[in-house]
Amino acid sequence: MGTILVTGAGGYIGSVTAQSLQAAGESIVVLDDLARGHRGAIAAEVPFYQGSIGDAGLVRRICHDHNVSAVVHFAALAYVGESVTDPRKYFENNVVEGLSFLGALVDSGVKQIVFSSTCATYGEPEYVPINEAHPQRPTNPYGFTKLVFEHALAAYERAYGLRWVALRYFNACGAAGELGEDHHPETHLIPIVLETALGKRPHVPVLGDDYPTADGTAVRDYIHVLDLASAHSLALAYLSRGGDSVAVNLGTGNGYSVKEIVEAARKVTGKAIPIEVAPRRPGDPARLVADPRKAETVLGWKPVHSELANVLSSAWNWHLAHPQGYADR
């Protein structure tokens, strides 16, 4: 295999995956506009280009100069709420620039891509756990842009022979050594809980306590970022062996409620972590849990880092070491 182009490697999951690929001896090159990523999350020795995936000339030059044979594509906007209030930004970045990127890859003769997709393509679940046969009816523009890109991949394979694996993440979490979760603004539950433990927030907002779940709070499937990174490596290996294009879920098959996450974090941190119940957020399902069996069957992937105490302790250690996130580096 030639060089692997990793887009969005300044981001949370992208940085951990790039580090994992590098540690495995793969040759990588990074493209990131750093609009929401962090230069400090990318190893100094890795060839790095600051620019847009929509810059087709730049993408073709990177592919040519670095003999790119495969791509792991993370670069996308990913705030559900923002996609509702500013859908233009999401369609322009995730779809328009994404299609320009695919065109440049086709022009460059690249035939393999692993795509960072999302369970948001499924929309409101008709059944749980969710398998890959579940209808894809996104309820927000973010999920829809990811679904559009999945359909583009299928069309580009038929026309141009670009084989792909779409990895539909559930809830990414945890930290990997010096690499952790640092979003601005932060919307994910576990870092919000830990920021509250650090005293950076007065309380954890619990958005609804009247769901039809055991304790009334929403249940989600949490998957450690190291397990997500390993899935990308396995997907690349699968494609390099000639595997057929496929979409697979990445989750544990188990769900934890908001209150369960807070209680577990109290044990890990030794902090009180106050909560404050607020109204439900419109469109939030009661339970989102993956059926991950296809990932094991097709890719040979199983989560090994995603036990909840490990997720929380790894993230807590990172937040303690980096109370200001990557600004501390």
Protein backbone atom coordinates (compact mmCIF):
# COMPACT_ATOMS: atom_id res chain seq x y z
CA MET A 1 0.00 0.00 0.00
CA GLY A 2 1.12 3.53 -0.71
CA THR A 3 0.46 6.51 1.50
CA ILE A 4 -2.82 6.97 3.38
CA LEU A 5 -4.37 10.43 3.21
CA VAL A 6 -6.17 11.31 6.45
CA THR A 7 -8.50 14.30 6.23
CA GLY A 8 -9.56 16.04 9.43
CA ALA A 9 -6.73 14.53 11.48
CA GLY A 10 -6.69 17.61 13.72
CA GLY A 11 -10.06 16.52 15.08
CA TYR A 12 -10.94 14.15 17.90
CA ILE A 13 -11.35 10.78 16.19
CA GLY A 14 -9.14 11.71 13.25
CA SER A 15 -6.15 12.51 15.45
CA VAL A 16 -6.35 9.21 17.33
CA THR A 17 -6.75 7.25 14.11
CA ALA A 18 -3.81 9.04 12.48
CA GLN A 19 -1.67 8.28 15.53
CA SER A 20 -2.71 4.62 15.44
CA LEU A 21 -1.89 4.31 11.74
CA GLN A 22 1.47 5.95 12.26
CA ALA A 23 2.24 3.65 15.20
CA ALA A 24 1.43 0.66 13.00
CA GLY A 25 4.10 1.77 10.53
CA GLU A 26 1.77 3.17 7.87
CA SER A 27 2.85 6.13 5.78
CA ILE A 28 0.31 8.93 6.23
CA VAL A 29 -0.26 12.48 5.04
CA VAL A 30 -2.76 14.88 6.61
CA LEU A 31 -5.11 17.47 5.14
CA ASP A 32 -7.06 19.68 7.58
CA ASP A 33 -8.25 23.28 7.40
CA LEU A 34 -8.00 23.50 11.23
CA ALA A 35 -11.30 25.38 11.35
CA ARG A 36 -12.28 23.12 14.23
CA GLY A 37 -9.29 20.83 14.58
CA HIS A 38 -6.04 21.38 16.46
CA ARG A 39 -2.54 21.52 14.97
CA GLY A 40 -1.25 20.19 18.29
CA ALA A 41 -3.20 16.98 17.76
CA ILE A 42 -1.15 16.15 14.64
CA ALA A 43 2.34 14.74 15.11
CA ALA A 44 5.00 17.23 14.01
CA GLU A 45 6.77 14.70 11.79
CA VAL A 46 3.67 13.85 9.73
CA PRO A 47 3.42 15.67 6.37
CA PHE A 48 0.66 18.23 6.93
CA TYR A 49 -1.28 20.46 4.55
CA GLN A 50 -3.58 23.15 5.90
CA GLY A 51 -6.35 23.50 3.38
CA SER A 52 -9.83 22.51 2.31
CA ILE A 53 -11.00 19.16 1.00
CA GLY A 54 -12.84 21.25 -1.59
CA ASP A 55 -9.55 22.48 -3.09
CA ALA A 56 -9.38 19.87 -5.85
CA GLY A 57 -6.02 21.08 -7.11
CA LEU A 58 -4.46 20.72 -3.67
CA VAL A 59 -5.98 17.26 -3.21
CA ARG A 60 -4.66 16.10 -6.58
CA ARG A 61 -1.20 17.49 -5.75
CA ILE A 62 -1.13 15.70 -2.39
CA CYS A 63 -2.20 12.44 -4.01
CA HIS A 64 0.48 12.78 -6.69
CA ASP A 65 3.34 13.95 -4.48
CA HIS A 66 2.72 11.35 -1.75
CA ASN A 67 1.59 8.39 -3.88
CA VAL A 68 -1.74 8.22 -2.06
CA SER A 69 -3.45 4.84 -2.46
CA ALA A 70 -6.17 5.07 0.20
CA VAL A 71 -8.05 7.71 2.16
CA VAL A 72 -9.59 7.97 5.61
CA HIS A 73 -12.06 10.83 5.43
CA PHE A 74 -13.01 12.58 8.70
CA ALA A 75 -13.19 16.21 7.57
CA ALA A 76 -16.79 17.35 8.15
CA LEU A 77 -18.87 19.62 10.32
CA ALA A 78 -20.63 17.59 12.99
CA TYR A 79 -22.85 19.66 15.31
CA VAL A 80 -26.45 18.48 15.02
CA GLY A 81 -27.95 21.67 16.46
CA GLU A 82 -25.84 23.95 14.28
CA SER A 83 -26.86 21.97 11.21
CA VAL A 84 -30.48 22.87 11.96
CA THR A 85 -29.82 26.59 12.46
CA ASP A 86 -27.23 26.92 9.67
CA PRO A 87 -27.82 24.09 7.16
CA ARG A 88 -26.10 26.01 4.36
CA LYS A 89 -22.76 25.60 6.12
CA TYR A 90 -23.29 21.84 6.40
CA PHE A 91 -24.36 21.22 2.84
CA GLU A 92 -21.53 23.37 1.47
CA ASN A 93 -18.84 21.73 3.63
CA ASN A 94 -19.99 18.13 3.93
CA VAL A 95 -21.61 17.71 0.50
CA VAL A 96 -20.35 20.30 -2.00
CA GLU A 97 -16.73 20.25 -0.85
CA GLY A 98 -17.01 16.52 -0.17
CA LEU A 99 -18.02 15.84 -3.78
CA SER A 100 -15.16 17.99 -5.05
CA PHE A 101 -12.87 15.90 -2.86
CA LEU A 102 -14.23 12.64 -4.28
CA GLY A 103 -13.75 13.96 -7.80
CA ALA A 104 -10.11 14.79 -7.08
CA LEU A 105 -9.57 11.29 -5.69
CA VAL A 106 -11.06 9.74 -8.82
CA ASP A 107 -8.86 11.99 -11.00
CA SER A 108 -5.84 10.81 -9.00
CA GLY A 109 -6.61 7.11 -9.39
CA VAL A 110 -7.36 6.52 -5.70
CA LYS A 111 -9.57 3.43 -5.36
CA GLN A 112 -10.12 3.00 -1.60
CA ILE A 113 -11.78 5.25 0.99
CA VAL A 114 -12.90 4.75 4.58
CA PHE A 115 -15.62 7.25 5.43
CA SER A 116 -16.44 8.62 8.87
CA SER A 117 -20.23 8.34 8.85
CA THR A 118 -22.74 8.38 11.69
CA CYS A 119 -25.75 6.71 13.26
CA ALA A 120 -27.51 10.05 12.62
CA THR A 121 -28.23 8.71 9.11
CA TYR A 122 -30.84 6.40 10.66
CA GLY A 123 -32.92 9.12 12.26
CA GLU A 124 -35.63 8.20 14.78
CA PRO A 125 -35.13 4.49 15.52
CA GLU A 126 -37.90 2.10 14.57
CA TYR A 127 -36.24 -0.61 16.67
CA VAL A 128 -33.28 -1.00 19.00
CA PRO A 129 -30.57 -2.19 18.73
CA ILE A 130 -30.14 -0.63 15.31
CA ASN A 131 -28.61 -2.77 12.58
CA GLU A 132 -27.45 -1.70 9.13
CA ALA A 133 -30.76 -2.76 7.53
CA HIS A 134 -32.59 -0.09 9.54
CA PRO A 135 -34.19 2.56 7.30
CA GLN A 136 -32.08 5.69 6.88
CA ARG A 137 -34.33 8.70 7.48
CA PRO A 138 -32.21 11.45 9.06
CA THR A 139 -34.02 13.98 11.23
CA ASN A 140 -31.42 16.75 10.91
CA PRO A 141 -29.29 18.26 8.12
CA TYR A 142 -26.05 16.86 9.61
CA GLY A 143 -27.29 13.28 9.30
CA PHE A 144 -28.68 14.00 5.85
CA THR A 145 -25.33 15.33 4.57
CA LYS A 146 -23.63 12.14 5.74
CA LEU A 147 -26.29 10.04 4.02
CA VAL A 148 -25.86 12.00 0.79
CA PHE A 149 -22.14 11.27 0.90
CA GLU A 150 -22.83 7.55 1.46
CA HIS A 151 -25.03 7.56 -1.65
CA ALA A 152 -22.32 9.40 -3.58
CA LEU A 153 -19.81 6.72 -2.61
CA ALA A 154 -22.12 4.02 -3.97
CA ALA A 155 -22.55 5.92 -7.24
CA TYR A 156 -18.82 6.60 -7.58
CA GLU A 157 -18.06 2.93 -7.06
CA ARG A 158 -20.42 1.92 -9.85
CA ALA A 159 -19.02 4.52 -12.24
CA TYR A 160 -15.35 4.81 -11.24
CA GLY A 161 -14.46 1.74 -9.18
CA LEU A 162 -13.94 3.64 -5.91
CA ARG A 163 -14.43 1.03 -3.17
CA TRP A 164 -15.44 2.20 0.29
CA VAL A 165 -16.27 1.37 3.87
CA ALA A 166 -18.71 3.68 5.68
CA LEU A 167 -18.35 3.49 9.45
CA ARG A 168 -21.51 4.62 11.23
CA TYR A 169 -20.37 5.72 14.69
CA PHE A 170 -22.56 5.85 17.73
CA ASN A 171 -21.22 7.99 20.65
CA ALA A 172 -17.45 8.49 20.56
CA CYS A 173 -15.79 9.01 23.93
CA GLY A 174 -12.63 8.53 25.99
CA ALA A 175 -9.06 9.68 25.41
CA ALA A 176 -5.85 8.17 24.05
CA GLY A 177 -2.84 9.36 26.00
CA GLU A 178 -2.12 12.94 24.93
CA LEU A 179 -5.07 13.01 22.53
CA GLY A 180 -8.54 13.87 23.82
CA GLU A 181 -11.84 15.58 23.13
CA ASP A 182 -11.69 19.37 22.84
CA HIS A 183 -14.62 20.95 21.01
CA HIS A 184 -15.73 24.57 21.02
CA PRO A 185 -18.54 24.64 21.90
CA GLU A 186 -18.68 21.29 23.64
CA THR A 187 -21.96 19.44 23.13
CA HIS A 188 -21.08 15.85 24.07
CA LEU A 189 -22.24 14.47 27.40
CA ILE A 190 -19.06 12.92 28.83
CA PRO A 191 -16.78 15.97 28.41
CA ILE A 192 -19.59 18.17 29.76
CA VAL A 193 -19.83 15.91 32.82
CA LEU A 194 -16.06 16.07 33.33
CA GLU A 195 -15.93 19.84 32.82
CA THR A 196 -18.54 20.06 35.56
CA ALA A 197 -16.35 17.89 37.78
CA LEU A 198 -13.49 20.32 37.11
CA GLY A 199 -15.68 23.26 38.17
CA LYS A 200 -15.77 24.75 34.68
CA ARG A 201 -19.57 24.36 34.55
CA PRO A 202 -22.07 24.80 37.40
CA HIS A 203 -24.01 21.62 36.58
CA VAL A 204 -24.73 18.98 33.95
CA PRO A 205 -27.90 19.79 32.00
CA VAL A 206 -30.07 16.67 31.85
CA LEU A 207 -32.26 17.20 28.80
CA GLY A 208 -35.38 15.35 29.83
CA ASP A 209 -36.05 12.91 32.65
CA ASP A 210 -39.38 11.59 31.39
CA TYR A 211 -38.22 9.22 28.66
CA PRO A 212 -39.53 5.62 28.64
CA THR A 213 -36.24 4.31 30.07
CA ALA A 214 -35.36 2.79 33.43
CA ASP A 215 -34.48 6.13 35.06
CA GLY A 216 -36.26 8.49 32.66
CA THR A 217 -33.10 9.81 30.95
CA ALA A 218 -31.94 9.13 27.41
CA VAL A 219 -29.82 6.04 26.72
CA ARG A 220 -26.86 6.03 24.32
CA ASP A 221 -24.19 3.59 23.13
CA TYR A 222 -20.69 4.87 24.05
CA ILE A 223 -17.66 3.67 22.11
CA HIS A 224 -14.05 4.45 23.04
CA VAL A 225 -12.10 6.47 20.51
CA LEU A 226 -9.33 3.82 20.47
CA ASP A 227 -11.89 1.24 19.38
CA LEU A 228 -13.05 3.58 16.64
CA ALA A 229 -9.45 4.04 15.50
CA SER A 230 -8.90 0.29 15.29
CA ALA A 231 -12.01 -0.05 13.12
CA HIS A 232 -10.52 2.35 10.56
CA SER A 233 -7.30 0.34 10.41
CA LEU A 234 -9.27 -2.87 9.95
CA ALA A 235 -11.41 -1.23 7.25
CA LEU A 236 -8.30 -0.17 5.33
CA ALA A 237 -6.92 -3.70 5.56
CA TYR A 238 -10.27 -5.09 4.41
CA LEU A 239 -10.27 -2.86 1.34
CA SER A 240 -6.64 -3.66 0.56
CA ARG A 241 -7.61 -7.35 0.48
CA GLY A 242 -10.23 -6.58 -2.15
CA GLY A 243 -13.25 -6.50 0.15
CA ASP A 244 -16.59 -5.33 -1.22
CA SER A 245 -17.89 -1.89 -0.29
CA VAL A 246 -19.92 -1.98 2.91
CA ALA A 247 -21.45 0.13 5.68
CA VAL A 248 -21.13 -1.03 9.28
CA ASN A 249 -22.16 0.24 12.70
CA LEU A 250 -19.56 0.97 15.36
CA GLY A 251 -20.93 0.62 18.86
CA THR A 252 -20.88 -1.76 21.81
CA GLY A 253 -24.45 -3.01 21.73
CA ASN A 254 -24.96 -1.68 25.27
CA GLY A 255 -26.49 1.59 26.35
CA TYR A 256 -26.06 3.87 29.36
CA SER A 257 -28.46 6.57 30.50
CA VAL A 258 -27.45 10.14 31.25
CA LYS A 259 -27.88 9.53 34.97
CA GLU A 260 -25.78 6.34 34.77
CA ILE A 261 -22.97 8.28 33.07
CA VAL A 262 -23.07 10.98 35.76
CA GLU A 263 -23.06 8.45 38.59
CA ALA A 264 -20.15 6.53 37.07
CA ALA A 265 -18.24 9.80 36.62
CA ARG A 266 -18.79 10.68 40.27
CA LYS A 267 -17.07 7.43 41.23
CA VAL A 268 -14.16 7.96 38.84
CA THR A 269 -13.56 11.62 39.71
CA GLY A 270 -14.59 11.69 43.37
CA LYS A 271 -16.56 14.86 42.61
CA ALA A 272 -20.21 15.62 43.37
CA ILE A 273 -21.12 16.65 39.78
CA PRO A 274 -24.48 18.38 40.24
CA ILE A 275 -27.18 17.97 37.60
CA GLU A 276 -30.09 20.15 36.57
CA VAL A 277 -33.06 18.74 34.69
CA ALA A 278 -34.10 20.72 31.62
CA PRO A 279 -36.73 20.10 28.93
CA ARG A 280 -36.10 17.47 26.30
CA ARG A 281 -34.28 18.55 23.17
CA PRO A 282 -36.67 18.17 20.20
CA GLY A 283 -35.96 15.08 18.14
CA ASP A 284 -33.84 13.25 20.72
CA PRO A 285 -34.76 9.55 20.74
CA ALA A 286 -35.13 7.73 24.05
CA ARG A 287 -32.60 5.02 23.12
CA LEU A 288 -29.85 4.82 20.49
CA VAL A 289 -27.95 1.54 20.72
CA ALA A 290 -26.02 -0.22 17.95
CA ASP A 291 -26.15 -3.77 16.75
CA PRO A 292 -22.40 -4.06 16.00
CA ARG A 293 -22.32 -7.69 14.85
CA LYS A 294 -21.73 -6.87 11.19
CA ALA A 295 -18.51 -5.03 12.03
CA GLU A 296 -17.22 -8.16 13.73
CA THR A 297 -18.30 -10.44 10.88
CA VAL A 298 -16.99 -8.27 8.05
CA LEU A 299 -14.00 -6.47 9.58
CA GLY A 300 -13.09 -8.73 12.50
CA TRP A 301 -13.67 -5.76 14.84
CA LYS A 302 -14.68 -5.92 18.49
CA PRO A 303 -14.52 -3.07 21.02
CA VAL A 304 -11.95 -3.78 23.74
CA HIS A 305 -11.50 -0.34 25.36
CA SER A 306 -15.14 0.67 25.81
CA GLU A 307 -15.89 -0.51 29.35
CA LEU A 308 -17.45 2.56 30.95
CA ALA A 309 -14.96 2.98 33.79
CA ASN A 310 -12.08 2.90 31.28
CA VAL A 311 -13.80 5.43 29.04
CA LEU A 312 -14.34 7.82 31.93
CA SER A 313 -10.95 7.39 33.59
CA SER A 314 -9.06 7.92 30.32
CA ALA A 315 -11.06 11.05 29.54
CA TRP A 316 -10.76 12.33 33.14
CA ASN A 317 -6.98 11.92 33.10
CA TRP A 318 -6.80 13.86 29.85
CA HIS A 319 -8.98 16.69 31.16
CA LEU A 320 -6.89 16.87 34.35
CA ALA A 321 -3.70 17.13 32.31
CA HIS A 322 -5.23 19.58 29.80
CA PRO A 323 -7.80 21.73 31.62
CA GLN A 324 -7.72 24.19 28.72
CA GLY A 325 -7.69 21.46 26.07
CA TYR A 326 -5.15 21.81 23.29
CA ALA A 327 -4.48 25.38 24.35
CA ASP A 328 -2.29 23.80 27.06
CA ARG A 329 0.00 22.20 24.51
